[in-house]
Amino acid sequence: MTAIRVEGLRKRYPRFELKDVSLEVPKGSIVGFIGENGAGKTTTIKAIVGAIRRDAGKIEIFGRDFARHGKALKQTIAVVTEESFFHEEFAAKDVALVLRRLYDRWDDALFRHYLDRFNLPPDKRIKELSRGMRMKLAIAAALSHHPKLLILDEPTSGLDPVVRSEILDVFLDFIQDEEHAILFSSHITTDLEKIADYIVFIHDGRIILSRPKDELIERYGIMKCGLDEFQRVDAADCVGVRRYGFGCEMLVRDRQAMRRKYPHLTIDPAAIEDIMLYYARGGQS
């Protein structure tokens, strides 16, 4: 059973449209959700959690139709966004007081555990906390009702590397339970390279790439050549091209095959960010 299954999701706005978005988040996995600003990541997430009404498509959480069972399913889901902060006059103890009434499985002891782990003072008001501490509080609150599914929209944006690393460790701990799953939307592709199992890339409201992360890193490459050599490269071999000065760089889907086909050219491994940028600039699979 998958944790999330989205099929044919559509949502139209005057200047933007989700176009038959389909994706899956398997149980026991972290799926990295990437794309440029305005590509549709947040709109997709809002549709998944019922924050906006979809125009078409089907959304299932743990095999149950979210449209029919949303109230019960929300007890199993935790959502953390870039702005997942509570009222600035609240302290952590006030957050617990509110959420205790909302979630059937709220766990005060677990919440205190996360406060201790993150060195979060229970009595300090949110407005006195740094951005990193606020995000830690949001994550502590999200995890303290024993969710099975985490949906994260830019939770590490704007945080320093030390805080980001600490938060990523918490996500890795969470996913050790194979009944759990995470959908992790982020612009910080290096974070996803560290912890994601799968990568889903959305561009202009459409999913154009959905693959295991290790497959992407093992297979894709950046091929480099001069402009004269570029004229002899088969266009079908390139996902996208970047020209600079007297040379070119191209994203290729199978760097081993390209090394055999073009043994005189340099082909380096491609990072997830490279793959996203070249697809956005130069084509679709």
Protein backbone atom coordinates (compact mmCIF):
# COMPACT_ATOMS: atom_id res chain seq x y z
CA MET A 1 0.00 0.00 0.00
CA THR A 2 1.20 3.51 -0.78
CA ALA A 3 0.99 6.36 1.70
CA ILE A 4 -0.12 8.85 -0.98
CA ARG A 5 -1.51 8.16 -4.42
CA VAL A 6 -2.49 11.12 -6.61
CA GLU A 7 -4.02 10.41 -10.03
CA GLY A 8 -4.95 12.96 -12.66
CA LEU A 9 -5.05 15.94 -10.31
CA ARG A 10 -6.23 19.13 -11.96
CA LYS A 11 -6.63 22.60 -10.55
CA ARG A 12 -7.13 25.70 -12.69
CA TYR A 13 -6.45 29.28 -11.71
CA PRO A 14 -6.62 32.32 -14.02
CA ARG A 15 -2.85 32.24 -14.62
CA PHE A 16 -1.85 28.73 -13.60
CA GLU A 17 -3.03 25.15 -13.94
CA LEU A 18 -2.13 21.76 -12.51
CA LYS A 19 -2.27 19.42 -15.49
CA ASP A 20 -3.08 15.79 -14.70
CA VAL A 21 -0.61 15.56 -11.82
CA SER A 22 0.01 11.98 -10.71
CA LEU A 23 2.48 10.86 -8.07
CA GLU A 24 2.98 8.21 -5.40
CA VAL A 25 4.66 8.18 -2.02
CA PRO A 26 5.40 4.56 -1.01
CA LYS A 27 5.26 3.61 2.64
CA GLY A 28 8.70 3.52 4.22
CA SER A 29 10.08 6.16 1.85
CA ILE A 30 10.94 9.83 1.52
CA VAL A 31 9.85 11.41 -1.77
CA GLY A 32 11.55 14.67 -2.70
CA PHE A 33 9.25 17.05 -4.56
CA ILE A 34 11.16 19.61 -6.61
CA GLY A 35 10.40 22.37 -9.09
CA GLU A 36 10.87 26.09 -9.69
CA ASN A 37 8.88 28.75 -7.87
CA GLY A 38 5.36 28.70 -9.25
CA ALA A 39 5.72 25.23 -10.75
CA GLY A 40 2.86 23.81 -8.66
CA LYS A 41 4.46 22.17 -5.62
CA THR A 42 2.49 24.06 -2.98
CA THR A 43 -0.75 23.86 -4.98
CA THR A 44 -0.34 20.09 -5.21
CA ILE A 45 0.31 19.81 -1.48
CA LYS A 46 -2.70 21.98 -0.66
CA ALA A 47 -4.87 19.72 -2.78
CA ILE A 48 -3.49 16.59 -1.08
CA VAL A 49 -4.31 17.88 2.40
CA GLY A 50 -7.69 19.29 1.41
CA ALA A 51 -6.74 22.96 1.80
CA ILE A 52 -8.06 23.68 -1.71
CA ARG A 53 -10.73 21.94 -3.76
CA ARG A 54 -9.44 20.10 -6.79
CA ASP A 55 -11.16 20.39 -10.17
CA ALA A 56 -10.51 16.76 -11.10
CA GLY A 57 -8.49 13.74 -10.06
CA LYS A 58 -8.26 11.27 -7.22
CA ILE A 59 -6.28 11.47 -3.98
CA GLU A 60 -5.82 8.50 -1.66
CA ILE A 61 -4.05 8.47 1.70
CA PHE A 62 -3.15 4.98 2.90
CA GLY A 63 -5.62 3.56 0.39
CA ARG A 64 -8.57 5.69 1.50
CA ASP A 65 -10.24 8.39 -0.59
CA PHE A 66 -9.35 11.69 1.02
CA ALA A 67 -12.57 13.32 -0.21
CA ARG A 68 -14.62 10.79 1.80
CA HIS A 69 -12.38 10.09 4.79
CA GLY A 70 -10.48 13.37 5.19
CA LYS A 71 -11.49 13.99 8.81
CA ALA A 72 -10.20 10.62 10.00
CA LEU A 73 -7.12 10.72 7.77
CA LYS A 74 -6.02 14.09 9.16
CA GLN A 75 -5.34 12.32 12.46
CA THR A 76 -2.59 10.34 10.67
CA ILE A 77 -1.04 13.28 8.81
CA ALA A 78 1.31 16.05 9.96
CA VAL A 79 1.91 19.06 7.73
CA VAL A 80 4.86 21.42 8.16
CA THR A 81 5.30 24.41 5.86
CA GLU A 82 7.84 27.20 5.58
CA GLU A 83 5.48 29.36 7.63
CA SER A 84 4.23 26.70 10.07
CA PHE A 85 4.42 28.96 13.07
CA PHE A 86 1.87 29.47 15.81
CA HIS A 87 0.67 32.74 17.31
CA GLU A 88 3.69 34.79 18.33
CA GLU A 89 2.43 35.23 21.90
CA PHE A 90 2.23 31.44 22.37
CA ALA A 91 4.90 29.46 24.16
CA ALA A 92 5.53 25.75 23.53
CA LYS A 93 3.32 24.83 26.47
CA ASP A 94 0.44 26.77 24.86
CA VAL A 95 0.94 24.91 21.59
CA ALA A 96 0.57 21.64 23.48
CA LEU A 97 -2.61 22.88 25.14
CA VAL A 98 -4.21 23.63 21.75
CA LEU A 99 -3.08 20.52 19.90
CA ARG A 100 -4.05 18.22 22.76
CA ARG A 101 -7.67 19.08 21.92
CA LEU A 102 -7.27 18.48 18.19
CA TYR A 103 -5.48 15.14 18.01
CA ASP A 104 -6.72 11.91 19.54
CA ARG A 105 -3.18 10.56 19.94
CA TRP A 106 -1.46 13.72 21.21
CA ASP A 107 1.46 12.64 23.40
CA ASP A 108 2.69 15.16 26.01
CA ALA A 109 5.68 13.01 26.90
CA LEU A 110 6.77 12.79 23.28
CA PHE A 111 6.37 16.55 22.86
CA ARG A 112 8.59 17.13 25.89
CA HIS A 113 11.09 14.69 24.41
CA TYR A 114 11.33 16.78 21.24
CA LEU A 115 11.55 20.01 23.20
CA ASP A 116 14.52 18.54 25.08
CA ARG A 117 16.10 17.18 21.90
CA PHE A 118 15.84 20.58 20.20
CA ASN A 119 16.74 22.57 23.36
CA LEU A 120 13.43 24.41 23.12
CA PRO A 121 12.32 26.25 26.30
CA PRO A 122 8.65 25.43 27.10
CA ASP A 123 7.91 28.91 28.51
CA LYS A 124 9.59 31.15 25.94
CA ARG A 125 7.21 32.98 23.60
CA ILE A 126 7.45 32.19 19.89
CA LYS A 127 8.19 35.80 18.98
CA GLU A 128 11.40 35.52 21.01
CA LEU A 129 12.61 32.43 19.14
CA SER A 130 14.92 32.41 16.11
CA ARG A 131 13.60 31.18 12.78
CA GLY A 132 15.39 27.88 13.25
CA MET A 133 13.92 27.40 16.73
CA ARG A 134 10.45 28.21 15.42
CA MET A 135 10.77 25.55 12.75
CA LYS A 136 11.99 23.03 15.31
CA LEU A 137 8.92 23.80 17.41
CA ALA A 138 6.67 23.28 14.39
CA ILE A 139 8.30 19.91 13.70
CA ALA A 140 8.12 18.87 17.36
CA ALA A 141 4.41 19.70 17.40
CA ALA A 142 3.83 17.87 14.12
CA LEU A 143 5.48 14.66 15.34
CA SER A 144 3.86 14.58 18.78
CA HIS A 145 0.51 13.15 17.74
CA HIS A 146 2.14 10.03 16.25
CA PRO A 147 1.46 10.72 12.57
CA LYS A 148 2.20 8.10 9.94
CA LEU A 149 2.67 10.62 7.14
CA LEU A 150 4.70 13.84 7.11
CA ILE A 151 4.01 16.39 4.38
CA LEU A 152 6.72 19.03 4.32
CA ASP A 153 6.70 22.22 2.23
CA GLU A 154 10.09 23.98 2.40
CA PRO A 155 10.72 23.17 6.09
CA THR A 156 14.46 23.89 5.85
CA SER A 157 14.27 27.04 3.72
CA GLY A 158 16.37 29.88 5.12
CA LEU A 159 17.93 27.77 7.89
CA ASP A 160 21.64 27.44 8.50
CA PRO A 161 23.38 24.13 7.65
CA VAL A 162 23.67 23.01 11.29
CA VAL A 163 19.94 23.42 11.96
CA ARG A 164 19.07 21.80 8.62
CA SER A 165 21.24 18.79 9.43
CA GLU A 166 19.60 18.42 12.83
CA ILE A 167 16.13 18.51 11.27
CA LEU A 168 17.06 16.03 8.52
CA ASP A 169 18.21 13.59 11.22
CA VAL A 170 14.75 13.79 12.80
CA PHE A 171 13.13 12.97 9.45
CA LEU A 172 15.46 9.98 9.00
CA ASP A 173 14.53 8.73 12.48
CA PHE A 174 10.84 9.07 11.63
CA ILE A 175 11.13 7.02 8.45
CA GLN A 176 12.79 4.08 10.23
CA ASP A 177 9.24 2.86 10.84
CA GLU A 178 8.31 1.33 7.48
CA GLU A 179 4.67 2.25 8.07
CA HIS A 180 5.68 5.91 7.88
CA ALA A 181 6.28 8.09 4.81
CA ILE A 182 7.38 11.62 3.94
CA LEU A 183 6.56 13.93 1.03
CA PHE A 184 9.28 16.60 1.17
CA SER A 185 9.01 19.67 -1.08
CA SER A 186 12.21 21.69 -1.13
CA HIS A 187 14.34 24.05 -3.21
CA ILE A 188 17.41 22.77 -1.33
CA THR A 189 18.17 19.78 -3.52
CA THR A 190 21.29 18.90 -1.53
CA ASP A 191 19.01 18.09 1.42
CA LEU A 192 17.02 15.73 -0.79
CA GLU A 193 20.20 14.11 -2.09
CA LYS A 194 21.01 13.22 1.52
CA ILE A 195 17.70 11.66 2.56
CA ALA A 196 15.24 11.14 -0.34
CA ASP A 197 14.47 7.75 -1.86
CA TYR A 198 12.58 9.14 -4.86
CA ILE A 199 12.50 12.44 -6.74
CA VAL A 200 9.39 13.90 -8.37
CA PHE A 201 9.93 16.97 -10.55
CA ILE A 202 7.03 19.27 -11.42
CA HIS A 203 7.41 21.95 -14.11
CA ASP A 204 4.71 24.37 -15.25
CA GLY A 205 2.00 22.38 -13.45
CA ARG A 206 2.97 19.02 -14.96
CA ILE A 207 5.02 16.11 -13.59
CA ILE A 208 7.86 15.54 -16.03
CA LEU A 209 10.15 13.28 -14.00
CA SER A 210 9.55 10.69 -11.27
CA ARG A 211 12.39 8.29 -10.51
CA PRO A 212 14.35 6.69 -7.67
CA LYS A 213 16.96 9.20 -6.51
CA ASP A 214 19.84 6.73 -6.77
CA GLU A 215 18.90 5.96 -10.37
CA LEU A 216 19.03 9.64 -11.27
CA ILE A 217 22.42 10.15 -9.63
CA GLU A 218 23.89 6.94 -11.10
CA ARG A 219 22.62 7.45 -14.67
CA TYR A 220 22.43 11.17 -15.50
CA GLY A 221 25.47 13.18 -16.48
CA ILE A 222 26.73 16.54 -17.75
CA MET A 223 28.50 16.18 -21.12
CA LYS A 224 30.88 18.97 -22.14
CA CYS A 225 32.22 19.92 -25.55
CA GLY A 226 33.18 22.80 -27.82
CA LEU A 227 30.68 24.48 -30.11
CA ASP A 228 32.15 22.77 -33.17
CA GLU A 229 31.85 19.34 -31.51
CA PHE A 230 28.30 20.12 -30.44
CA GLN A 231 27.23 20.16 -34.09
CA ARG A 232 28.08 16.44 -34.24
CA VAL A 233 26.11 15.48 -31.10
CA ASP A 234 22.74 13.83 -31.71
CA ALA A 235 20.04 16.18 -30.34
CA ALA A 236 18.06 13.14 -29.14
CA ASP A 237 20.87 12.36 -26.68
CA CYS A 238 20.45 15.65 -24.82
CA VAL A 239 17.78 16.67 -22.34
CA GLY A 240 18.92 20.29 -22.27
CA VAL A 241 21.84 22.41 -23.40
CA ARG A 242 23.66 25.37 -21.91
CA ARG A 243 25.98 27.36 -24.18
CA TYR A 244 28.76 29.50 -22.77
CA GLY A 245 31.60 31.23 -24.59
CA PHE A 246 33.09 28.66 -26.95
CA GLY A 247 31.59 25.57 -25.34
CA CYS A 248 28.46 23.69 -24.35
CA GLU A 249 27.22 21.58 -21.48
CA MET A 250 24.43 19.05 -21.99
CA LEU A 251 22.39 16.92 -19.64
CA VAL A 252 22.31 13.28 -20.76
CA ARG A 253 20.11 10.51 -19.37
CA ASP A 254 22.71 7.70 -19.51
CA ARG A 255 26.26 8.88 -19.01
CA GLN A 256 27.76 5.38 -19.45
CA ALA A 257 26.10 4.98 -22.83
CA MET A 258 27.19 8.46 -23.83
CA ARG A 259 30.78 7.70 -22.81
CA ARG A 260 30.72 4.77 -25.21
CA LYS A 261 29.12 6.85 -27.97
CA TYR A 262 31.27 9.96 -27.44
CA PRO A 263 34.53 8.63 -25.88
CA HIS A 264 36.42 11.85 -26.63
CA LEU A 265 34.04 14.06 -24.60
CA THR A 266 34.06 14.75 -20.86
CA ILE A 267 30.98 13.52 -18.99
CA ASP A 268 30.61 14.27 -15.27
CA PRO A 269 27.94 13.05 -12.82
CA ALA A 270 24.89 15.31 -12.55
CA ALA A 271 23.47 16.55 -9.26
CA ILE A 272 19.71 16.68 -8.65
CA GLU A 273 19.84 20.47 -9.07
CA ASP A 274 21.52 20.06 -12.48
CA ILE A 275 18.80 17.66 -13.60
CA MET A 276 16.05 20.04 -12.50
CA LEU A 277 17.63 23.06 -14.20
CA TYR A 278 18.32 21.35 -17.50
CA TYR A 279 14.86 19.81 -17.74
CA ALA A 280 13.32 23.18 -17.01
CA ARG A 281 15.42 24.85 -19.69
CA GLY A 282 15.65 22.23 -22.36
CA GLY A 283 12.98 19.57 -22.61
CA GLN A 284 10.97 16.75 -21.13
CA SER A 285 11.41 13.00 -20.97
